[in-house]
Amino acid sequence: MGAAAQQYAALGWPCCPGAHPATDGTRACSCDRIGCPSPGAHPSSQVWKLQATVDTDRVGQWWNTTPEANIILPTGRVFDVFDVPAEAGRLALARMERDEVPIGPVAAMGDERYLFFVATRGAPEDEDEWWSCHLDTVPESVEETPGMRWHCRDSYVVAPPSALPFGREVSWVAFPENATLPDPLRVLEILADVCE
């Protein structure tokens, strides 16, 4: 896990330690929150936005201290992430390959969700041109694209090879070679179509 976190930092992708599945059998997440809504898939510190870094020495120290910590990647800095149901993700990948649309990095969260990494729009002057991220958004409540969630400014995703409860894991479907990130609007168009 620590070696993977250092690879992300070397790519220029800030990261920080996350919670991990509990090993004591009493709960699903290592955090102290009873009924954690995202077991093993959230930062271990409330100051994760300040903590996230590309300093490989610092990253190495974190995972030397807590080797089982999952890897958290903040979004809206280097990349944004579209988070869709796995079936929609598979359909989108097939369509992107057929139409020769650049795919970029894609990760799978167990068998449930696909994460599409795209170039970030950062904080555009015209906020209506893009969106702000709300971590409490429930994907099923988004009428235009049910099941789709976006992670941009002030959000994060859990990165491969992080472990999830019940033997699930986060893994790469399309590895981030050279950290090339596709145009978010083109990917959004395809994902919106397959999520309708």
C-alpha atoms as a PDB file:
ATOM      1  CA  MET A   1       0.000   0.000   0.000  1.00  0.00           C
ATOM      2  CA  GLY A   2       2.804   2.391   0.898  1.00  0.00           C
ATOM      3  CA  ALA A   3       4.637   1.712  -2.376  1.00  0.00           C
ATOM      4  CA  ALA A   4       1.447   2.453  -4.336  1.00  0.00           C
ATOM      5  CA  ALA A   5       0.902   5.695  -2.407  1.00  0.00           C
ATOM      6  CA  GLN A   6       4.465   6.761  -3.215  1.00  0.00           C
ATOM      7  CA  GLN A   7       3.858   5.984  -6.908  1.00  0.00           C
ATOM      8  CA  TYR A   8       0.811   8.296  -6.874  1.00  0.00           C
ATOM      9  CA  ALA A   9       2.861  11.022  -5.208  1.00  0.00           C
ATOM     10  CA  ALA A  10       5.603  10.562  -7.831  1.00  0.00           C
ATOM     11  CA  LEU A  11       2.937  11.011 -10.551  1.00  0.00           C
ATOM     12  CA  GLY A  12       2.083  14.356  -8.960  1.00  0.00           C
ATOM     13  CA  TRP A  13      -1.162  13.046  -7.449  1.00  0.00           C
ATOM     14  CA  PRO A  14      -1.520  14.222  -3.822  1.00  0.00           C
ATOM     15  CA  CYS A  15      -2.573  11.484  -1.416  1.00  0.00           C
ATOM     16  CA  CYS A  16      -3.154  10.880   2.271  1.00  0.00           C
ATOM     17  CA  PRO A  17      -3.961   7.910   4.528  1.00  0.00           C
ATOM     18  CA  GLY A  18      -7.486   6.571   4.735  1.00  0.00           C
ATOM     19  CA  ALA A  19      -9.497   4.332   6.984  1.00  0.00           C
ATOM     20  CA  HIS A  20      -9.350   0.602   6.313  1.00  0.00           C
ATOM     21  CA  PRO A  21     -11.530  -2.416   7.042  1.00  0.00           C
ATOM     22  CA  ALA A  22     -11.453  -3.257  10.741  1.00  0.00           C
ATOM     23  CA  THR A  23      -9.760  -6.499  11.653  1.00  0.00           C
ATOM     24  CA  ASP A  24     -11.319  -7.025  15.085  1.00  0.00           C
ATOM     25  CA  GLY A  25     -14.623  -8.353  13.698  1.00  0.00           C
ATOM     26  CA  THR A  26     -16.765  -5.855  15.628  1.00  0.00           C
ATOM     27  CA  ARG A  27     -17.322  -3.348  12.814  1.00  0.00           C
ATOM     28  CA  ALA A  28     -16.582  -2.807   9.119  1.00  0.00           C
ATOM     29  CA  CYS A  29     -14.344   0.287   9.400  1.00  0.00           C
ATOM     30  CA  SER A  30     -11.264   1.209  11.396  1.00  0.00           C
ATOM     31  CA  CYS A  31     -12.725   4.632  12.273  1.00  0.00           C
ATOM     32  CA  ASP A  32     -14.528   5.338  15.550  1.00  0.00           C
ATOM     33  CA  ARG A  33     -17.814   6.213  13.833  1.00  0.00           C
ATOM     34  CA  ILE A  34     -20.620   3.816  14.672  1.00  0.00           C
ATOM     35  CA  GLY A  35     -22.385   2.751  11.486  1.00  0.00           C
ATOM     36  CA  CYS A  36     -19.767   4.353   9.217  1.00  0.00           C
ATOM     37  CA  PRO A  37     -21.514   5.030   5.871  1.00  0.00           C
ATOM     38  CA  SER A  38     -18.313   4.499   3.821  1.00  0.00           C
ATOM     39  CA  PRO A  39     -16.301   1.787   5.576  1.00  0.00           C
ATOM     40  CA  GLY A  40     -12.659   1.874   4.530  1.00  0.00           C
ATOM     41  CA  ALA A  41     -13.367   4.517   1.857  1.00  0.00           C
ATOM     42  CA  HIS A  42     -12.724   7.838   3.602  1.00  0.00           C
ATOM     43  CA  PRO A  43      -9.742   9.790   4.985  1.00  0.00           C
ATOM     44  CA  SER A  44      -8.483   8.847   8.432  1.00  0.00           C
ATOM     45  CA  SER A  45      -8.052  12.525   9.365  1.00  0.00           C
ATOM     46  CA  GLN A  46     -10.493  15.427   9.283  1.00  0.00           C
ATOM     47  CA  VAL A  47      -7.703  17.645   7.958  1.00  0.00           C
ATOM     48  CA  TRP A  48      -7.130  15.492   4.881  1.00  0.00           C
ATOM     49  CA  LYS A  49      -7.358  18.517   2.531  1.00  0.00           C
ATOM     50  CA  LEU A  50      -4.349  20.115   4.216  1.00  0.00           C
ATOM     51  CA  GLN A  51      -2.587  16.822   4.810  1.00  0.00           C
ATOM     52  CA  ALA A  52      -2.619  15.452   1.216  1.00  0.00           C
ATOM     53  CA  THR A  53       0.817  15.774  -0.386  1.00  0.00           C
ATOM     54  CA  VAL A  54       3.094  14.659  -3.203  1.00  0.00           C
ATOM     55  CA  ASP A  55       6.089  14.538  -0.823  1.00  0.00           C
ATOM     56  CA  THR A  56       7.179  10.913  -1.221  1.00  0.00           C
ATOM     57  CA  ASP A  57       9.166  10.990   2.045  1.00  0.00           C
ATOM     58  CA  ARG A  58       6.117  12.121   4.019  1.00  0.00           C
ATOM     59  CA  VAL A  59       3.938   9.557   2.257  1.00  0.00           C
ATOM     60  CA  GLY A  60       6.475   6.840   3.088  1.00  0.00           C
ATOM     61  CA  GLN A  61       6.425   7.853   6.765  1.00  0.00           C
ATOM     62  CA  TRP A  62       2.627   7.602   6.923  1.00  0.00           C
ATOM     63  CA  TRP A  63       2.526   4.072   5.552  1.00  0.00           C
ATOM     64  CA  ASN A  64       5.493   2.964   7.636  1.00  0.00           C
ATOM     65  CA  THR A  65       3.441   4.008  10.674  1.00  0.00           C
ATOM     66  CA  THR A  66       0.101   2.586   9.446  1.00  0.00           C
ATOM     67  CA  PRO A  67       0.796   0.054   6.660  1.00  0.00           C
ATOM     68  CA  GLU A  68      -2.835  -1.094   6.453  1.00  0.00           C
ATOM     69  CA  ALA A  69      -4.157   2.435   5.739  1.00  0.00           C
ATOM     70  CA  ASN A  70      -6.058   2.798   2.480  1.00  0.00           C
ATOM     71  CA  ILE A  71      -5.020   5.464  -0.029  1.00  0.00           C
ATOM     72  CA  ILE A  72      -7.114   8.612  -0.423  1.00  0.00           C
ATOM     73  CA  LEU A  73      -6.701  10.833  -3.492  1.00  0.00           C
ATOM     74  CA  PRO A  74      -8.205  14.345  -3.261  1.00  0.00           C
ATOM     75  CA  THR A  75     -10.090  15.431  -6.374  1.00  0.00           C
ATOM     76  CA  GLY A  76     -10.341  18.859  -7.983  1.00  0.00           C
ATOM     77  CA  ARG A  77      -6.584  19.410  -7.853  1.00  0.00           C
ATOM     78  CA  VAL A  78      -5.040  17.272 -10.595  1.00  0.00           C
ATOM     79  CA  PHE A  79      -8.125  15.339 -11.686  1.00  0.00           C
ATOM     80  CA  ASP A  80     -11.854  14.986 -11.151  1.00  0.00           C
ATOM     81  CA  VAL A  81     -13.577  11.600 -10.957  1.00  0.00           C
ATOM     82  CA  PHE A  82     -16.909  10.399 -12.319  1.00  0.00           C
ATOM     83  CA  ASP A  83     -18.276   7.612 -10.098  1.00  0.00           C
ATOM     84  CA  VAL A  84     -20.880   5.357 -11.743  1.00  0.00           C
ATOM     85  CA  PRO A  85     -22.498   1.950 -11.165  1.00  0.00           C
ATOM     86  CA  ALA A  86     -20.252  -0.856 -12.450  1.00  0.00           C
ATOM     87  CA  GLU A  87     -22.641  -1.914 -15.224  1.00  0.00           C
ATOM     88  CA  ALA A  88     -22.809   1.660 -16.553  1.00  0.00           C
ATOM     89  CA  GLY A  89     -19.015   1.819 -16.333  1.00  0.00           C
ATOM     90  CA  ARG A  90     -18.619  -1.342 -18.405  1.00  0.00           C
ATOM     91  CA  LEU A  91     -21.064  -0.009 -21.029  1.00  0.00           C
ATOM     92  CA  ALA A  92     -19.238   3.330 -21.139  1.00  0.00           C
ATOM     93  CA  LEU A  93     -15.840   1.652 -21.596  1.00  0.00           C
ATOM     94  CA  ALA A  94     -17.177  -0.456 -24.473  1.00  0.00           C
ATOM     95  CA  ARG A  95     -18.632   2.640 -26.128  1.00  0.00           C
ATOM     96  CA  MET A  96     -15.438   4.655 -25.611  1.00  0.00           C
ATOM     97  CA  GLU A  97     -13.346   1.890 -27.168  1.00  0.00           C
ATOM     98  CA  ARG A  98     -15.770   1.570 -30.101  1.00  0.00           C
ATOM     99  CA  ASP A  99     -15.808   5.354 -30.711  1.00  0.00           C
ATOM    100  CA  GLU A 100     -12.037   5.663 -30.079  1.00  0.00           C
ATOM    101  CA  VAL A 101     -12.550   8.135 -27.230  1.00  0.00           C
ATOM    102  CA  PRO A 102      -9.499   8.432 -24.927  1.00  0.00           C
ATOM    103  CA  ILE A 103     -10.274   6.528 -21.745  1.00  0.00           C
ATOM    104  CA  GLY A 104      -7.678   7.538 -19.172  1.00  0.00           C
ATOM    105  CA  PRO A 105      -7.435   5.893 -15.754  1.00  0.00           C
ATOM    106  CA  VAL A 106     -10.448   3.856 -14.578  1.00  0.00           C
ATOM    107  CA  ALA A 107     -10.721   2.032 -11.246  1.00  0.00           C
ATOM    108  CA  ALA A 108     -13.290  -0.446  -9.941  1.00  0.00           C
ATOM    109  CA  MET A 109     -14.577  -0.352  -6.365  1.00  0.00           C
ATOM    110  CA  GLY A 110     -15.305  -4.006  -5.838  1.00  0.00           C
ATOM    111  CA  ASP A 111     -18.077  -5.059  -8.199  1.00  0.00           C
ATOM    112  CA  GLU A 112     -20.242  -2.042  -7.376  1.00  0.00           C
ATOM    113  CA  ARG A 113     -18.762   1.171  -8.845  1.00  0.00           C
ATOM    114  CA  TYR A 114     -16.386   2.395 -11.572  1.00  0.00           C
ATOM    115  CA  LEU A 115     -14.280   5.538 -11.130  1.00  0.00           C
ATOM    116  CA  PHE A 116     -13.378   7.479 -14.304  1.00  0.00           C
ATOM    117  CA  PHE A 117     -10.445   9.872 -13.771  1.00  0.00           C
ATOM    118  CA  VAL A 118     -10.590  12.978 -15.990  1.00  0.00           C
ATOM    119  CA  ALA A 119      -8.764  16.309 -16.278  1.00  0.00           C
ATOM    120  CA  THR A 120      -9.952  18.704 -13.599  1.00  0.00           C
ATOM    121  CA  ARG A 121     -11.734  21.933 -14.340  1.00  0.00           C
ATOM    122  CA  GLY A 122     -10.541  23.249 -10.975  1.00  0.00           C
ATOM    123  CA  ALA A 123     -12.611  26.253  -9.886  1.00  0.00           C
ATOM    124  CA  PRO A 124     -13.946  27.997 -13.013  1.00  0.00           C
ATOM    125  CA  GLU A 125     -15.037  31.620 -12.692  1.00  0.00           C
ATOM    126  CA  ASP A 126     -18.469  30.728 -14.035  1.00  0.00           C
ATOM    127  CA  GLU A 127     -19.567  28.076 -11.535  1.00  0.00           C
ATOM    128  CA  ASP A 128     -22.653  27.318 -13.651  1.00  0.00           C
ATOM    129  CA  GLU A 129     -20.277  26.095 -16.340  1.00  0.00           C
ATOM    130  CA  TRP A 130     -19.265  23.184 -14.107  1.00  0.00           C
ATOM    131  CA  TRP A 131     -20.374  21.960 -10.704  1.00  0.00           C
ATOM    132  CA  SER A 132     -19.388  21.940  -7.116  1.00  0.00           C
ATOM    133  CA  CYS A 133     -19.109  18.644  -5.321  1.00  0.00           C
ATOM    134  CA  HIS A 134     -21.198  17.623  -2.369  1.00  0.00           C
ATOM    135  CA  LEU A 135     -19.927  14.592  -0.505  1.00  0.00           C
ATOM    136  CA  ASP A 136     -23.402  13.897   0.849  1.00  0.00           C
ATOM    137  CA  THR A 137     -24.969  13.601  -2.609  1.00  0.00           C
ATOM    138  CA  VAL A 138     -26.826  10.329  -2.996  1.00  0.00           C
ATOM    139  CA  PRO A 139     -26.294   9.183  -6.608  1.00  0.00           C
ATOM    140  CA  GLU A 140     -29.820   7.828  -6.920  1.00  0.00           C
ATOM    141  CA  SER A 141     -31.234  11.292  -6.141  1.00  0.00           C
ATOM    142  CA  VAL A 142     -29.681  12.916  -9.224  1.00  0.00           C
ATOM    143  CA  GLU A 143     -32.608  12.912 -11.655  1.00  0.00           C
ATOM    144  CA  GLU A 144     -30.689  13.663 -14.869  1.00  0.00           C
ATOM    145  CA  THR A 145     -28.121  10.890 -14.417  1.00  0.00           C
ATOM    146  CA  PRO A 146     -29.335   8.383 -11.831  1.00  0.00           C
ATOM    147  CA  GLY A 147     -26.546   6.503 -10.137  1.00  0.00           C
ATOM    148  CA  MET A 148     -23.783   8.875 -11.254  1.00  0.00           C
ATOM    149  CA  ARG A 149     -21.739  10.863  -8.786  1.00  0.00           C
ATOM    150  CA  TRP A 150     -18.923  13.300  -9.419  1.00  0.00           C
ATOM    151  CA  HIS A 151     -15.925  14.045  -7.257  1.00  0.00           C
ATOM    152  CA  CYS A 152     -14.284  17.398  -7.898  1.00  0.00           C
ATOM    153  CA  ARG A 153     -13.232  20.288  -5.665  1.00  0.00           C
ATOM    154  CA  ASP A 154     -13.359  19.387  -1.944  1.00  0.00           C
ATOM    155  CA  SER A 155     -13.927  15.674  -2.530  1.00  0.00           C
ATOM    156  CA  TYR A 156     -11.811  12.503  -2.694  1.00  0.00           C
ATOM    157  CA  VAL A 157     -11.759   8.909  -3.883  1.00  0.00           C
ATOM    158  CA  VAL A 158     -10.184   5.774  -2.478  1.00  0.00           C
ATOM    159  CA  ALA A 159      -7.420   4.462  -4.749  1.00  0.00           C
ATOM    160  CA  PRO A 160      -6.113   1.019  -5.747  1.00  0.00           C
ATOM    161  CA  PRO A 161      -4.969  -1.246  -4.163  1.00  0.00           C
ATOM    162  CA  SER A 162      -7.071  -0.179  -1.170  1.00  0.00           C
ATOM    163  CA  ALA A 163      -9.050  -2.870   0.645  1.00  0.00           C
ATOM    164  CA  LEU A 164     -12.786  -2.650   1.267  1.00  0.00           C
ATOM    165  CA  PRO A 165     -14.831  -4.639   3.797  1.00  0.00           C
ATOM    166  CA  PHE A 166     -15.929  -8.197   3.073  1.00  0.00           C
ATOM    167  CA  GLY A 167     -12.912  -9.078   0.919  1.00  0.00           C
ATOM    168  CA  ARG A 168     -13.575  -6.454  -1.764  1.00  0.00           C
ATOM    169  CA  GLU A 169     -10.877  -4.165  -3.120  1.00  0.00           C
ATOM    170  CA  VAL A 170     -10.266  -1.166  -5.343  1.00  0.00           C
ATOM    171  CA  SER A 171      -8.399  -2.138  -8.513  1.00  0.00           C
ATOM    172  CA  TRP A 172      -7.364  -0.584 -11.815  1.00  0.00           C
ATOM    173  CA  VAL A 173      -9.431  -1.414 -14.897  1.00  0.00           C
ATOM    174  CA  ALA A 174      -7.294   0.997 -16.962  1.00  0.00           C
ATOM    175  CA  PHE A 175      -3.968   1.816 -15.274  1.00  0.00           C
ATOM    176  CA  PRO A 176      -2.906   5.509 -15.181  1.00  0.00           C
ATOM    177  CA  GLU A 177       0.046   5.260 -17.554  1.00  0.00           C
ATOM    178  CA  ASN A 178       1.812   8.631 -17.609  1.00  0.00           C
ATOM    179  CA  ALA A 179      -1.228  10.012 -15.715  1.00  0.00           C
ATOM    180  CA  THR A 180      -2.842  11.085 -19.027  1.00  0.00           C
ATOM    181  CA  LEU A 181      -6.310  12.436 -18.259  1.00  0.00           C
ATOM    182  CA  PRO A 182      -9.107  12.762 -20.834  1.00  0.00           C
ATOM    183  CA  ASP A 183     -11.421  15.711 -21.459  1.00  0.00           C
ATOM    184  CA  PRO A 184     -14.130  15.599 -18.765  1.00  0.00           C
ATOM    185  CA  LEU A 185     -16.945  16.911 -20.951  1.00  0.00           C
ATOM    186  CA  ARG A 186     -16.611  14.106 -23.523  1.00  0.00           C
ATOM    187  CA  VAL A 187     -16.479  11.430 -20.811  1.00  0.00           C
ATOM    188  CA  LEU A 188     -19.412  13.045 -18.983  1.00  0.00           C
ATOM    189  CA  GLU A 189     -21.503  12.953 -22.156  1.00  0.00           C
ATOM    190  CA  ILE A 190     -20.960   9.200 -22.538  1.00  0.00           C
ATOM    191  CA  LEU A 191     -21.497   8.419 -18.855  1.00  0.00           C
ATOM    192  CA  ALA A 192     -24.667  10.516 -18.745  1.00  0.00           C
ATOM    193  CA  ASP A 193     -26.038   8.555 -21.713  1.00  0.00           C
ATOM    194  CA  VAL A 194     -25.338   5.136 -20.188  1.00  0.00           C
ATOM    195  CA  CYS A 195     -26.688   6.186 -16.753  1.00  0.00           C
ATOM    196  CA  GLU A 196     -30.072   7.358 -18.097  1.00  0.00           C
END
